């Protein structure tokens, strides 16, 4: 039979183990995908609203041209209803930029370090500020 001192010691040990347990750093937040991302071919993807808009976030993939001191951009395609699925996976609907018609469901798979993700055969890296 355990004495009161042993029970107290067990409770203290359990509390210490709980407080100093390893943190689970591999959990992704819905908002981890928000921001400006550069694709490996030079295109830029701006994502916003994930985790704050009920219907999901939005994104625009654009080409930026810096020729002759002029900054111009052309929208390649848009994404809407971007939502965190689970783990490191997000999904959204791609939309034709000009026609506004839904094309397909796009999947984003983020790296463990949250500095890049892959989608449709491309790698996107977080643009540093």
Protein backbone atom coordinates (compact mmCIF):
# COMPACT_ATOMS: atom_id res chain seq x y z
CA UNK A 1 0.00 0.00 0.00
CA UNK A 2 1.38 3.39 -1.02
CA UNK A 3 1.90 6.01 1.64
CA UNK A 4 0.80 9.63 1.32
CA UNK A 5 4.43 10.63 0.62
CA UNK A 6 4.64 8.18 -2.29
CA UNK A 7 1.36 9.40 -3.75
CA UNK A 8 2.54 13.01 -3.48
CA UNK A 9 5.84 12.12 -5.16
CA UNK A 10 4.01 10.34 -7.99
CA UNK A 11 1.76 13.39 -8.54
CA UNK A 12 4.77 15.74 -8.61
CA UNK A 13 6.61 13.48 -11.09
CA UNK A 14 3.55 13.31 -13.37
CA UNK A 15 3.21 17.10 -13.29
CA UNK A 16 6.90 17.59 -14.14
CA UNK A 17 6.64 15.09 -17.00
CA UNK A 18 3.53 16.87 -18.32
CA UNK A 19 5.06 20.35 -18.12
CA UNK A 20 8.36 19.36 -19.76
CA UNK A 21 6.96 16.95 -22.33
CA UNK A 22 8.27 17.38 -25.90
CA UNK A 23 6.20 19.83 -27.90
CA UNK A 24 4.61 18.56 -31.10
CA UNK A 25 6.15 20.98 -33.64
CA UNK A 26 4.87 19.09 -36.66
CA UNK A 27 1.34 20.42 -36.34
CA UNK A 28 0.45 22.82 -39.14
CA UNK A 29 -1.83 25.83 -38.74
CA UNK A 30 -4.29 26.68 -41.50
CA UNK A 31 -2.62 30.09 -41.88
CA UNK A 32 0.84 28.57 -42.59
CA UNK A 33 0.10 28.74 -46.33
CA UNK A 34 -0.67 32.50 -46.28
CA UNK A 35 2.00 34.76 -47.76
CA UNK A 36 3.99 35.36 -50.91
CA UNK A 37 5.61 32.32 -52.53
CA UNK A 38 8.04 32.17 -55.46
CA UNK A 39 7.75 29.30 -57.90
CA UNK A 40 10.91 27.62 -59.18
CA UNK A 41 10.29 29.07 -62.67
CA UNK A 42 10.02 32.66 -61.36
CA UNK A 43 6.25 33.09 -61.07
CA UNK A 44 4.83 34.52 -57.85
CA UNK A 45 1.88 33.17 -55.83
CA UNK A 46 0.14 35.41 -53.28
CA UNK A 47 -2.09 33.56 -50.81
CA UNK A 48 -4.28 35.22 -48.21
CA UNK A 49 -7.27 34.60 -45.99
CA UNK A 50 -6.69 30.95 -45.09
CA UNK A 51 -7.81 30.36 -41.53
CA UNK A 52 -9.67 33.68 -41.34
CA UNK A 53 -12.26 33.47 -44.13
CA UNK A 54 -14.97 30.84 -43.62
CA UNK A 55 -15.17 29.97 -47.33
CA UNK A 56 -11.40 29.52 -47.53
CA UNK A 57 -8.53 31.67 -48.70
CA UNK A 58 -7.73 33.02 -52.14
CA UNK A 59 -4.60 33.11 -54.26
CA UNK A 60 -3.34 34.69 -57.46
CA UNK A 61 -0.45 33.28 -59.50
CA UNK A 62 1.16 36.05 -61.51
CA UNK A 63 4.13 36.70 -63.74
CA UNK A 64 6.06 39.83 -62.84
CA UNK A 65 8.11 41.58 -65.51
CA UNK A 66 10.84 44.02 -64.47
CA UNK A 67 12.07 44.88 -68.01
CA UNK A 68 13.29 48.39 -68.79
CA UNK A 69 12.44 49.72 -65.33
CA UNK A 70 8.73 48.97 -65.77
CA UNK A 71 7.06 46.64 -63.32
CA UNK A 72 4.14 44.87 -64.92
CA UNK A 73 2.34 41.71 -63.98
CA UNK A 74 -0.05 39.33 -65.67
CA UNK A 75 -2.42 37.06 -63.79
CA UNK A 76 -1.92 33.45 -64.85
CA UNK A 77 -4.64 31.85 -62.73
CA UNK A 78 -6.59 32.33 -59.54
CA UNK A 79 -7.41 29.98 -56.71
CA UNK A 80 -10.34 30.19 -54.34
CA UNK A 81 -11.70 28.23 -51.41
CA UNK A 82 -8.20 27.29 -50.24
CA UNK A 83 -8.63 25.28 -47.06
CA UNK A 84 -6.37 23.34 -44.74
CA UNK A 85 -7.29 19.67 -44.98
CA UNK A 86 -5.06 18.04 -42.37
CA UNK A 87 -1.37 17.78 -41.57
CA UNK A 88 0.65 19.48 -44.31
CA UNK A 89 -2.10 19.37 -47.00
CA UNK A 90 -4.27 22.21 -48.34
CA UNK A 91 -6.72 22.10 -51.26
CA UNK A 92 -8.43 24.75 -53.35
CA UNK A 93 -10.19 25.34 -56.67
CA UNK A 94 -8.25 26.77 -59.59
CA UNK A 95 -10.15 29.28 -61.70
CA UNK A 96 -9.40 30.38 -65.26
CA UNK A 97 -8.27 33.99 -64.94
CA UNK A 98 -10.23 35.32 -67.92
CA UNK A 99 -13.26 33.03 -68.15
CA UNK A 100 -13.84 32.62 -64.41
CA UNK A 101 -14.60 28.92 -64.81
CA UNK A 102 -13.47 26.33 -62.29
CA UNK A 103 -10.76 24.14 -63.77
CA UNK A 104 -9.65 21.64 -61.13
CA UNK A 105 -8.91 20.98 -57.49
CA UNK A 106 -5.34 21.88 -56.59
CA UNK A 107 -3.43 20.23 -53.74
CA UNK A 108 -0.59 21.90 -51.81
CA UNK A 109 1.85 19.79 -49.78
CA UNK A 110 4.00 21.82 -47.39
CA UNK A 111 7.48 20.83 -46.21
CA UNK A 112 8.05 20.18 -42.51
CA UNK A 113 10.04 23.43 -42.13
CA UNK A 114 7.12 25.47 -43.58
CA UNK A 115 9.50 27.26 -45.99
CA UNK A 116 8.30 25.58 -49.18
CA UNK A 117 5.50 23.52 -50.66
CA UNK A 118 4.84 21.47 -53.79
CA UNK A 119 1.85 21.69 -56.06
CA UNK A 120 1.22 20.45 -59.60
CA UNK A 121 4.85 19.53 -60.17
CA UNK A 122 6.24 22.90 -59.05
CA UNK A 123 8.09 23.91 -55.91
CA UNK A 124 7.20 27.18 -54.21
CA UNK A 125 9.48 28.85 -51.65
CA UNK A 126 8.38 31.40 -49.08
CA UNK A 127 9.48 34.89 -50.08
CA UNK A 128 11.43 36.47 -47.26
CA UNK A 129 10.52 39.99 -46.33
